[in-house]
C-alpha atoms as a PDB file:
ATOM      1  CA  PRO A   1      -9.695  88.794  55.736  1.00  0.00           C
ATOM      2  CA  GLU A   2     -10.611  85.807  53.591  1.00  0.00           C
ATOM      3  CA  THR A   3     -13.587  83.853  54.898  1.00  0.00           C
ATOM      4  CA  HIS A   4     -16.142  81.535  53.375  1.00  0.00           C
ATOM      5  CA  ALA A   5     -18.844  84.223  53.654  1.00  0.00           C
ATOM      6  CA  PRO A   6     -19.530  85.666  50.189  1.00  0.00           C
ATOM      7  CA  ASP A   7     -18.965  89.438  50.067  1.00  0.00           C
ATOM      8  CA  ASP A   8     -22.426  90.207  48.666  1.00  0.00           C
ATOM      9  CA  LEU A   9     -24.175  88.301  51.462  1.00  0.00           C
ATOM     10  CA  TYR A  10     -22.003  89.927  54.115  1.00  0.00           C
ATOM     11  CA  GLN A  11     -22.798  93.368  52.693  1.00  0.00           C
ATOM     12  CA  THR A  12     -26.511  92.535  52.808  1.00  0.00           C
ATOM     13  CA  LEU A  13     -26.150  91.517  56.455  1.00  0.00           C
ATOM     14  CA  GLN A  14     -24.388  94.802  57.226  1.00  0.00           C
ATOM     15  CA  ALA A  15     -27.124  96.761  55.447  1.00  0.00           C
ATOM     16  CA  HIS A  16     -29.819  95.288  57.692  1.00  0.00           C
ATOM     17  CA  PHE A  17     -28.114  94.743  61.065  1.00  0.00           C
ATOM     18  CA  SER A  18     -25.742  96.770  63.239  1.00  0.00           C
ATOM     19  CA  GLU A  19     -22.544  95.100  64.487  1.00  0.00           C
ATOM     20  CA  GLU A  20     -24.190  94.517  67.880  1.00  0.00           C
ATOM     21  CA  GLU A  21     -27.245  92.962  66.215  1.00  0.00           C
ATOM     22  CA  GLN A  22     -24.994  90.740  64.081  1.00  0.00           C
ATOM     23  CA  VAL A  23     -23.307  89.428  67.233  1.00  0.00           C
ATOM     24  CA  LYS A  24     -26.662  88.829  68.944  1.00  0.00           C
ATOM     25  CA  LEU A  25     -28.066  87.106  65.865  1.00  0.00           C
ATOM     26  CA  THR A  26     -24.978  84.898  65.658  1.00  0.00           C
ATOM     27  CA  MET A  27     -25.302  83.918  69.325  1.00  0.00           C
ATOM     28  CA  VAL A  28     -28.995  83.046  68.888  1.00  0.00           C
ATOM     29  CA  ILE A  29     -28.104  80.828  65.923  1.00  0.00           C
ATOM     30  CA  VAL A  30     -25.328  79.155  67.950  1.00  0.00           C
ATOM     31  CA  ALA A  31     -27.730  78.513  70.860  1.00  0.00           C
ATOM     32  CA  ILE A  32     -30.469  77.044  68.656  1.00  0.00           C
ATOM     33  CA  ASN A  33     -27.927  74.880  66.816  1.00  0.00           C
ATOM     34  CA  GLY A  34     -26.617  73.618  70.164  1.00  0.00           C
ATOM     35  CA  TRP A  35     -30.104  72.818  71.460  1.00  0.00           C
ATOM     36  CA  ASN A  36     -30.919  70.946  68.254  1.00  0.00           C
ATOM     37  CA  ARG A  37     -27.730  68.876  68.479  1.00  0.00           C
ATOM     38  CA  ILE A  38     -28.469  67.969  72.105  1.00  0.00           C
ATOM     39  CA  GLN A  39     -32.042  66.990  71.215  1.00  0.00           C
ATOM     40  CA  VAL A  40     -30.832  64.769  68.366  1.00  0.00           C
ATOM     41  CA  GLY A  41     -28.212  63.171  70.613  1.00  0.00           C
ATOM     42  CA  PHE A  42     -30.848  62.281  73.212  1.00  0.00           C
ATOM     43  CA  ARG A  43     -33.382  61.311  70.542  1.00  0.00           C
ATOM     44  CA  ALA A  44     -35.832  63.731  72.112  1.00  0.00           C
ATOM     45  CA  VAL A  45     -39.252  63.894  70.486  1.00  0.00           C
ATOM     46  CA  HIS A  46     -41.477  66.960  70.652  1.00  0.00           C
ATOM     47  CA  PRO A  47     -44.504  66.214  72.865  1.00  0.00           C
ATOM     48  CA  ILE A  48     -47.052  67.209  70.194  1.00  0.00           C
ATOM     49  CA  ALA A  49     -48.854  64.120  68.945  1.00  0.00           C
ATOM     50  CA  GLN A  50     -48.136  63.185  65.340  1.00  0.00           C
ATOM     51  CA  HIS A  51     -51.753  63.751  64.238  1.00  0.00           C
ATOM     52  CA  HIS A  52     -51.477  67.406  65.334  1.00  0.00           C
ATOM     53  CA  ALA A  53     -48.229  68.032  63.482  1.00  0.00           C
ATOM     54  CA  ALA A  54     -48.272  69.999  60.257  1.00  0.00           C
END
């Protein structure tokens, strides 16, 4: 099927991860993306003081 994922990148993904690992990796990315969007929406700031930040 036609997707926006380039064939060479998809083949690289398949070379390194099983189908189950691809699903798990996708779900981790979805979760982190969701958390980030919620944090931005609430204007949450990480509790580390600015002078300690990298």
